[in-house]
Amino acid sequence: MTRDINRTCLVTRESKPISELIRFTLINGKVVIDKEHKLGGRGYYISKDKDIINEAKKKNLIKKALKVEVPSSFYDELLSLL
């Protein structure tokens, strides 16, 4: 995907091109990764960086932002996209 659109990382609050971020959203009350950036709903973004993803897990930032339980397998899936 080569668009010049910037979004803000949930963890660092830095504005980055979407090519450097992973988008996720809520679908039917479950957090899902939006690999194509096309799913509906309010999207959230996290930097494609192992340390940032681990910080989000440690501080429960995704759970706080989306107000739902986030399984640890979700973080494993994020890390697999790096």
PDB file of N, CA and C in Angstrom:
ATOM      1  N   MET A   1       0.861  -1.176   0.000  1.00  0.00           N
ATOM      2  CA  MET A   1       0.000   0.000   0.000  1.00  0.00           C
ATOM      3  C   MET A   1       0.901   1.230   0.000  1.00  0.00           C
ATOM      4  N   THR A   2       0.741   2.075  -0.973  1.00  0.00           N
ATOM      5  CA  THR A   2       1.619   3.243  -1.092  1.00  0.00           C
ATOM      6  C   THR A   2       0.802   4.522  -1.145  1.00  0.00           C
ATOM      7  N   ARG A   3       0.175   4.835  -0.031  1.00  0.00           N
ATOM      8  CA  ARG A   3      -0.557   6.098   0.057  1.00  0.00           C
ATOM      9  C   ARG A   3       0.174   7.014   1.017  1.00  0.00           C
ATOM     10  N   ASP A   4       0.099   8.299   0.780  1.00  0.00           N
ATOM     11  CA  ASP A   4       0.785   9.270   1.622  1.00  0.00           C
ATOM     12  C   ASP A   4      -0.128   9.781   2.732  1.00  0.00           C
ATOM     13  N   ILE A   5      -0.731   8.860   3.442  1.00  0.00           N
ATOM     14  CA  ILE A   5      -1.637   9.217   4.523  1.00  0.00           C
ATOM     15  C   ILE A   5      -0.940   8.908   5.840  1.00  0.00           C
ATOM     16  N   ASN A   6      -1.002   9.841   6.780  1.00  0.00           N
ATOM     17  CA  ASN A   6      -0.423   9.628   8.096  1.00  0.00           C
ATOM     18  C   ASN A   6      -1.520   9.341   9.109  1.00  0.00           C
ATOM     19  N   ARG A   7      -1.179   8.495  10.059  1.00  0.00           N
ATOM     20  CA  ARG A   7      -2.048   8.206  11.189  1.00  0.00           C
ATOM     21  C   ARG A   7      -1.180   8.215  12.443  1.00  0.00           C
ATOM     22  N   THR A   8      -1.820   8.238  13.606  1.00  0.00           N
ATOM     23  CA  THR A   8      -1.115   8.328  14.873  1.00  0.00           C
ATOM     24  C   THR A   8      -1.023   6.969  15.545  1.00  0.00           C
ATOM     25  N   CYS A   9       0.178   6.617  15.974  1.00  0.00           N
ATOM     26  CA  CYS A   9       0.399   5.378  16.710  1.00  0.00           C
ATOM     27  C   CYS A   9      -0.258   5.499  18.085  1.00  0.00           C
ATOM     28  N   LEU A  10      -1.010   4.482  18.468  1.00  0.00           N
ATOM     29  CA  LEU A  10      -1.704   4.463  19.753  1.00  0.00           C
ATOM     30  C   LEU A  10      -0.733   4.558  20.929  1.00  0.00           C
ATOM     31  N   VAL A  11       0.442   3.989  20.781  1.00  0.00           N
ATOM     32  CA  VAL A  11       1.398   3.925  21.883  1.00  0.00           C
ATOM     33  C   VAL A  11       2.277   5.171  21.960  1.00  0.00           C
ATOM     34  N   THR A  12       2.909   5.522  20.846  1.00  0.00           N
ATOM     35  CA  THR A  12       3.888   6.618  20.867  1.00  0.00           C
ATOM     36  C   THR A  12       3.277   7.982  20.586  1.00  0.00           C
ATOM     37  N   ARG A  13       2.072   7.992  20.030  1.00  0.00           N
ATOM     38  CA  ARG A  13       1.367   9.217  19.632  1.00  0.00           C
ATOM     39  C   ARG A  13       2.094   9.934  18.490  1.00  0.00           C
ATOM     40  N   GLU A  14       2.991   9.239  17.790  1.00  0.00           N
ATOM     41  CA  GLU A  14       3.692   9.809  16.640  1.00  0.00           C
ATOM     42  C   GLU A  14       2.848   9.651  15.383  1.00  0.00           C
ATOM     43  N   SER A  15       2.865  10.655  14.543  1.00  0.00           N
ATOM     44  CA  SER A  15       2.199  10.585  13.249  1.00  0.00           C
ATOM     45  C   SER A  15       3.156   9.941  12.260  1.00  0.00           C
ATOM     46  N   LYS A  16       2.681   8.854  11.622  1.00  0.00           N
ATOM     47  CA  LYS A  16       3.519   8.103  10.683  1.00  0.00           C
ATOM     48  C   LYS A  16       2.700   7.729   9.462  1.00  0.00           C
ATOM     49  N   PRO A  17       3.392   7.460   8.339  1.00  0.00           N
ATOM     50  CA  PRO A  17       2.669   6.946   7.167  1.00  0.00           C
ATOM     51  C   PRO A  17       2.034   5.593   7.496  1.00  0.00           C
ATOM     52  N   ILE A  18       0.871   5.321   6.922  1.00  0.00           N
ATOM     53  CA  ILE A  18       0.186   4.078   7.260  1.00  0.00           C
ATOM     54  C   ILE A  18       0.985   2.845   6.869  1.00  0.00           C
ATOM     55  N   SER A  19       1.952   2.996   5.975  1.00  0.00           N
ATOM     56  CA  SER A  19       2.803   1.858   5.611  1.00  0.00           C
ATOM     57  C   SER A  19       3.691   1.414   6.772  1.00  0.00           C
ATOM     58  N   GLU A  20       3.866   2.278   7.772  1.00  0.00           N
ATOM     59  CA  GLU A  20       4.694   1.963   8.942  1.00  0.00           C
ATOM     60  C   GLU A  20       3.853   1.554  10.142  1.00  0.00           C
ATOM     61  N   LEU A  21       2.548   1.392   9.926  1.00  0.00           N
ATOM     62  CA  LEU A  21       1.627   1.092  11.020  1.00  0.00           C
ATOM     63  C   LEU A  21       0.784  -0.138  10.714  1.00  0.00           C
ATOM     64  N   ILE A  22       0.271  -0.750  11.771  1.00  0.00           N
ATOM     65  CA  ILE A  22      -0.691  -1.845  11.649  1.00  0.00           C
ATOM     66  C   ILE A  22      -2.025  -1.310  12.159  1.00  0.00           C
ATOM     67  N   ARG A  23      -3.088  -1.493  11.368  1.00  0.00           N
ATOM     68  CA  ARG A  23      -4.417  -1.018  11.760  1.00  0.00           C
ATOM     69  C   ARG A  23      -5.199  -2.159  12.393  1.00  0.00           C
ATOM     70  N   PHE A  24      -5.950  -1.836  13.421  1.00  0.00           N
ATOM     71  CA  PHE A  24      -6.867  -2.802  14.018  1.00  0.00           C
ATOM     72  C   PHE A  24      -8.143  -2.086  14.403  1.00  0.00           C
ATOM     73  N   THR A  25      -9.211  -2.852  14.536  1.00  0.00           N
ATOM     74  CA  THR A  25     -10.519  -2.286  14.845  1.00  0.00           C
ATOM     75  C   THR A  25     -11.339  -3.319  15.590  1.00  0.00           C
ATOM     76  N   LEU A  26     -12.543  -2.938  15.981  1.00  0.00           N
ATOM     77  CA  LEU A  26     -13.473  -3.870  16.617  1.00  0.00           C
ATOM     78  C   LEU A  26     -14.495  -4.350  15.608  1.00  0.00           C
ATOM     79  N   ILE A  27     -14.689  -5.647  15.535  1.00  0.00           N
ATOM     80  CA  ILE A  27     -15.731  -6.245  14.710  1.00  0.00           C
ATOM     81  C   ILE A  27     -16.508  -7.186  15.627  1.00  0.00           C
ATOM     82  N   ASN A  28     -17.780  -6.909  15.799  1.00  0.00           N
ATOM     83  CA  ASN A  28     -18.639  -7.726  16.669  1.00  0.00           C
ATOM     84  C   ASN A  28     -18.036  -7.912  18.059  1.00  0.00           C
ATOM     85  N   GLY A  29     -17.472  -6.844  18.596  1.00  0.00           N
ATOM     86  CA  GLY A  29     -16.941  -6.875  19.956  1.00  0.00           C
ATOM     87  C   GLY A  29     -15.583  -7.531  20.112  1.00  0.00           C
ATOM     88  N   LYS A  30     -14.951  -7.916  18.997  1.00  0.00           N
ATOM     89  CA  LYS A  30     -13.632  -8.535  19.056  1.00  0.00           C
ATOM     90  C   LYS A  30     -12.632  -7.677  18.285  1.00  0.00           C
ATOM     91  N   VAL A  31     -11.438  -7.581  18.839  1.00  0.00           N
ATOM     92  CA  VAL A  31     -10.396  -6.798  18.186  1.00  0.00           C
ATOM     93  C   VAL A  31      -9.789  -7.649  17.061  1.00  0.00           C
ATOM     94  N   VAL A  32      -9.711  -7.042  15.869  1.00  0.00           N
ATOM     95  CA  VAL A  32      -9.169  -7.742  14.708  1.00  0.00           C
ATOM     96  C   VAL A  32      -8.186  -6.829  13.977  1.00  0.00           C
ATOM     97  N   ILE A  33      -7.201  -7.462  13.359  1.00  0.00           N
ATOM     98  CA  ILE A  33      -6.226  -6.727  12.560  1.00  0.00           C
ATOM     99  C   ILE A  33      -6.812  -6.501  11.177  1.00  0.00           C
ATOM    100  N   ASP A  34      -6.670  -5.279  10.713  1.00  0.00           N
ATOM    101  CA  ASP A  34      -7.169  -4.890   9.390  1.00  0.00           C
ATOM    102  C   ASP A  34      -5.979  -4.744   8.448  1.00  0.00           C
ATOM    103  N   LYS A  35      -5.546  -5.863   7.869  1.00  0.00           N
ATOM    104  CA  LYS A  35      -4.340  -5.865   7.033  1.00  0.00           C
ATOM    105  C   LYS A  35      -4.483  -5.008   5.781  1.00  0.00           C
ATOM    106  N   GLU A  36      -5.679  -4.901   5.257  1.00  0.00           N
ATOM    107  CA  GLU A  36      -5.895  -4.145   4.024  1.00  0.00           C
ATOM    108  C   GLU A  36      -6.366  -2.707   4.270  1.00  0.00           C
ATOM    109  N   HIS A  37      -6.540  -2.329   5.538  1.00  0.00           N
ATOM    110  CA  HIS A  37      -7.005  -0.979   5.906  1.00  0.00           C
ATOM    111  C   HIS A  37      -8.364  -0.674   5.270  1.00  0.00           C
ATOM    112  N   LYS A  38      -9.250  -1.668   5.229  1.00  0.00           N
ATOM    113  CA  LYS A  38     -10.539  -1.475   4.575  1.00  0.00           C
ATOM    114  C   LYS A  38     -11.730  -1.842   5.440  1.00  0.00           C
ATOM    115  N   LEU A  39     -11.506  -2.440   6.602  1.00  0.00           N
ATOM    116  CA  LEU A  39     -12.628  -2.816   7.454  1.00  0.00           C
ATOM    117  C   LEU A  39     -13.308  -1.574   8.012  1.00  0.00           C
ATOM    118  N   GLY A  40     -14.576  -1.698   8.299  1.00  0.00           N
ATOM    119  CA  GLY A  40     -15.323  -0.582   8.856  1.00  0.00           C
ATOM    120  C   GLY A  40     -14.989  -0.375  10.325  1.00  0.00           C
ATOM    121  N   GLY A  41     -15.575   0.633  10.876  1.00  0.00           N
ATOM    122  CA  GLY A  41     -15.390   0.905  12.297  1.00  0.00           C
ATOM    123  C   GLY A  41     -14.222   1.831  12.562  1.00  0.00           C
ATOM    124  N   ARG A  42     -14.153   2.280  13.784  1.00  0.00           N
ATOM    125  CA  ARG A  42     -13.090   3.178  14.228  1.00  0.00           C
ATOM    126  C   ARG A  42     -11.786   2.407  14.240  1.00  0.00           C
ATOM    127  N   GLY A  43     -10.833   2.829  13.443  1.00  0.00           N
ATOM    128  CA  GLY A  43      -9.551   2.139  13.375  1.00  0.00           C
ATOM    129  C   GLY A  43      -8.534   2.746  14.317  1.00  0.00           C
ATOM    130  N   TYR A  44      -7.671   1.888  14.821  1.00  0.00           N
ATOM    131  CA  TYR A  44      -6.559   2.302  15.665  1.00  0.00           C
ATOM    132  C   TYR A  44      -5.289   1.788  15.010  1.00  0.00           C
ATOM    133  N   TYR A  45      -4.190   2.440  15.292  1.00  0.00           N
ATOM    134  CA  TYR A  45      -2.932   2.091  14.642  1.00  0.00           C
ATOM    135  C   TYR A  45      -1.830   1.908  15.665  1.00  0.00           C
ATOM    136  N   ILE A  46      -0.937   0.966  15.344  1.00  0.00           N
ATOM    137  CA  ILE A  46       0.238   0.747  16.185  1.00  0.00           C
ATOM    138  C   ILE A  46       1.440   0.597  15.263  1.00  0.00           C
ATOM    139  N   SER A  47       2.570   1.139  15.686  1.00  0.00           N
ATOM    140  CA  SER A  47       3.781   1.090  14.878  1.00  0.00           C
ATOM    141  C   SER A  47       4.247  -0.346  14.676  1.00  0.00           C
ATOM    142  N   LYS A  48       4.851  -0.590  13.515  1.00  0.00           N
ATOM    143  CA  LYS A  48       5.426  -1.893  13.216  1.00  0.00           C
ATOM    144  C   LYS A  48       6.786  -1.974  13.895  1.00  0.00           C
ATOM    145  N   ASP A  49       6.756  -2.164  15.209  1.00  0.00           N
ATOM    146  CA  ASP A  49       7.973  -2.197  16.005  1.00  0.00           C
ATOM    147  C   ASP A  49       7.750  -3.135  17.192  1.00  0.00           C
ATOM    148  N   LYS A  50       8.618  -4.111  17.343  1.00  0.00           N
ATOM    149  CA  LYS A  50       8.476  -5.116  18.397  1.00  0.00           C
ATOM    150  C   LYS A  50       8.378  -4.481  19.782  1.00  0.00           C
ATOM    151  N   ASP A  51       9.247  -3.512  20.066  1.00  0.00           N
ATOM    152  CA  ASP A  51       9.261  -2.885  21.392  1.00  0.00           C
ATOM    153  C   ASP A  51       7.964  -2.122  21.663  1.00  0.00           C
ATOM    154  N   ILE A  52       7.428  -1.479  20.656  1.00  0.00           N
ATOM    155  CA  ILE A  52       6.190  -0.716  20.821  1.00  0.00           C
ATOM    156  C   ILE A  52       5.011  -1.658  21.041  1.00  0.00           C
ATOM    157  N   ILE A  53       4.961  -2.749  20.301  1.00  0.00           N
ATOM    158  CA  ILE A  53       3.884  -3.733  20.486  1.00  0.00           C
ATOM    159  C   ILE A  53       3.975  -4.337  21.882  1.00  0.00           C
ATOM    160  N   ASN A  54       5.180  -4.660  22.329  1.00  0.00           N
ATOM    161  CA  ASN A  54       5.351  -5.218  23.674  1.00  0.00           C
ATOM    162  C   ASN A  54       4.972  -4.210  24.753  1.00  0.00           C
ATOM    163  N   GLU A  55       5.243  -2.932  24.522  1.00  0.00           N
ATOM    164  CA  GLU A  55       4.848  -1.893  25.480  1.00  0.00           C
ATOM    165  C   GLU A  55       3.325  -1.800  25.563  1.00  0.00           C
ATOM    166  N   ALA A  56       2.663  -1.879  24.400  1.00  0.00           N
ATOM    167  CA  ALA A  56       1.195  -1.848  24.382  1.00  0.00           C
ATOM    168  C   ALA A  56       0.626  -3.010  25.177  1.00  0.00           C
ATOM    169  N   LYS A  57       1.228  -4.173  25.047  1.00  0.00           N
ATOM    170  CA  LYS A  57       0.766  -5.356  25.787  1.00  0.00           C
ATOM    171  C   LYS A  57       1.002  -5.172  27.284  1.00  0.00           C
ATOM    172  N   LYS A  58       2.197  -4.724  27.639  1.00  0.00           N
ATOM    173  CA  LYS A  58       2.557  -4.552  29.044  1.00  0.00           C
ATOM    174  C   LYS A  58       1.639  -3.552  29.753  1.00  0.00           C
ATOM    175  N   LYS A  59       1.291  -2.458  29.054  1.00  0.00           N
ATOM    176  CA  LYS A  59       0.473  -1.398  29.661  1.00  0.00           C
ATOM    177  C   LYS A  59      -1.022  -1.532  29.356  1.00  0.00           C
ATOM    178  N   ASN A  60      -1.414  -2.616  28.653  1.00  0.00           N
ATOM    179  CA  ASN A  60      -2.822  -2.851  28.297  1.00  0.00           C
ATOM    180  C   ASN A  60      -3.426  -1.676  27.523  1.00  0.00           C
ATOM    181  N   LEU A  61      -2.650  -1.050  26.646  1.00  0.00           N
ATOM    182  CA  LEU A  61      -3.117   0.141  25.952  1.00  0.00           C
ATOM    183  C   LEU A  61      -4.237  -0.149  24.953  1.00  0.00           C
ATOM    184  N   ILE A  62      -4.189  -1.297  24.302  1.00  0.00           N
ATOM    185  CA  ILE A  62      -5.245  -1.627  23.341  1.00  0.00           C
ATOM    186  C   ILE A  62      -6.543  -1.909  24.084  1.00  0.00           C
ATOM    187  N   LYS A  63      -6.453  -2.615  25.199  1.00  0.00           N
ATOM    188  CA  LYS A  63      -7.636  -2.879  26.024  1.00  0.00           C
ATOM    189  C   LYS A  63      -8.258  -1.567  26.504  1.00  0.00           C
ATOM    190  N   LYS A  64      -7.436  -0.638  26.921  1.00  0.00           N
ATOM    191  CA  LYS A  64      -7.930   0.656  27.411  1.00  0.00           C
ATOM    192  C   LYS A  64      -8.572   1.464  26.298  1.00  0.00           C
ATOM    193  N   ALA A  65      -7.983   1.442  25.110  1.00  0.00           N
ATOM    194  CA  ALA A  65      -8.502   2.237  23.990  1.00  0.00           C
ATOM    195  C   ALA A  65      -9.824   1.679  23.470  1.00  0.00           C
ATOM    196  N   LEU A  66      -9.914   0.357  23.344  1.00  0.00           N
ATOM    197  CA  LEU A  66     -11.096  -0.259  22.751  1.00  0.00           C
ATOM    198  C   LEU A  66     -12.128  -0.709  23.784  1.00  0.00           C
ATOM    199  N   LYS A  67     -11.721  -0.731  25.054  1.00  0.00           N
ATOM    200  CA  LYS A  67     -12.610  -1.122  26.147  1.00  0.00           C
ATOM    201  C   LYS A  67     -13.154  -2.547  25.979  1.00  0.00           C
ATOM    202  N   VAL A  68     -12.263  -3.428  25.529  1.00  0.00           N
ATOM    203  CA  VAL A  68     -12.578  -4.856  25.427  1.00  0.00           C
ATOM    204  C   VAL A  68     -11.354  -5.653  25.865  1.00  0.00           C
ATOM    205  N   GLU A  69     -11.581  -6.911  26.230  1.00  0.00           N
ATOM    206  CA  GLU A  69     -10.469  -7.795  26.548  1.00  0.00           C
ATOM    207  C   GLU A  69      -9.688  -8.104  25.275  1.00  0.00           C
ATOM    208  N   VAL A  70      -8.377  -8.112  25.394  1.00  0.00           N
ATOM    209  CA  VAL A  70      -7.515  -8.395  24.251  1.00  0.00           C
ATOM    210  C   VAL A  70      -6.703  -9.648  24.584  1.00  0.00           C
ATOM    211  N   PRO A  71      -6.935 -10.735  23.855  1.00  0.00           N
ATOM    212  CA  PRO A  71      -6.181 -11.966  24.149  1.00  0.00           C
ATOM    213  C   PRO A  71      -4.704 -11.804  23.789  1.00  0.00           C
ATOM    214  N   SER A  72      -3.847 -12.520  24.502  1.00  0.00           N
ATOM    215  CA  SER A  72      -2.411 -12.419  24.216  1.00  0.00           C
ATOM    216  C   SER A  72      -2.099 -12.912  22.803  1.00  0.00           C
ATOM    217  N   SER A  73      -2.951 -13.758  22.251  1.00  0.00           N
ATOM    218  CA  SER A  73      -2.741 -14.234  20.880  1.00  0.00           C
ATOM    219  C   SER A  73      -2.835 -13.077  19.874  1.00  0.00           C
ATOM    220  N   PHE A  74      -3.581 -12.016  20.223  1.00  0.00           N
ATOM    221  CA  PHE A  74      -3.668 -10.850  19.349  1.00  0.00           C
ATOM    222  C   PHE A  74      -2.298 -10.197  19.213  1.00  0.00           C
ATOM    223  N   TYR A  75      -1.579 -10.094  20.329  1.00  0.00           N
ATOM    224  CA  TYR A  75      -0.237  -9.499  20.290  1.00  0.00           C
ATOM    225  C   TYR A  75       0.727 -10.381  19.511  1.00  0.00           C
ATOM    226  N   ASP A  76       0.561 -11.707  19.637  1.00  0.00           N
ATOM    227  CA  ASP A  76       1.380 -12.630  18.850  1.00  0.00           C
ATOM    228  C   ASP A  76       1.133 -12.415  17.360  1.00  0.00           C
ATOM    229  N   GLU A  77      -0.131 -12.184  17.009  1.00  0.00           N
ATOM    230  CA  GLU A  77      -0.475 -11.952  15.608  1.00  0.00           C
ATOM    231  C   GLU A  77       0.143 -10.633  15.123  1.00  0.00           C
ATOM    232  N   LEU A  78       0.098  -9.600  15.964  1.00  0.00           N
ATOM    233  CA  LEU A  78       0.746  -8.331  15.599  1.00  0.00           C
ATOM    234  C   LEU A  78       2.232  -8.535  15.341  1.00  0.00           C
ATOM    235  N   LEU A  79       2.884  -9.256  16.240  1.00  0.00           N
ATOM    236  CA  LEU A  79       4.325  -9.478  16.097  1.00  0.00           C
ATOM    237  C   LEU A  79       4.649 -10.304  14.859  1.00  0.00           C
ATOM    238  N   SER A  80       3.746 -11.183  14.477  1.00  0.00           N
ATOM    239  CA  SER A  80       3.989 -12.006  13.284  1.00  0.00           C
ATOM    240  C   SER A  80       3.950 -11.184  11.997  1.00  0.00           C
ATOM    241  N   LEU A  81       3.370  -9.981  12.054  1.00  0.00           N
ATOM    242  CA  LEU A  81       3.284  -9.130  10.875  1.00  0.00           C
ATOM    243  C   LEU A  81       4.532  -8.283  10.645  1.00  0.00           C
ATOM    244  N   LEU A  82       5.457  -8.333  11.567  1.00  0.00           N
ATOM    245  CA  LEU A  82       6.676  -7.516  11.440  1.00  0.00           C
ATOM    246  C   LEU A  82       7.623  -8.087  10.420  1.00  0.00           C
TER     247      LEU A  82
END
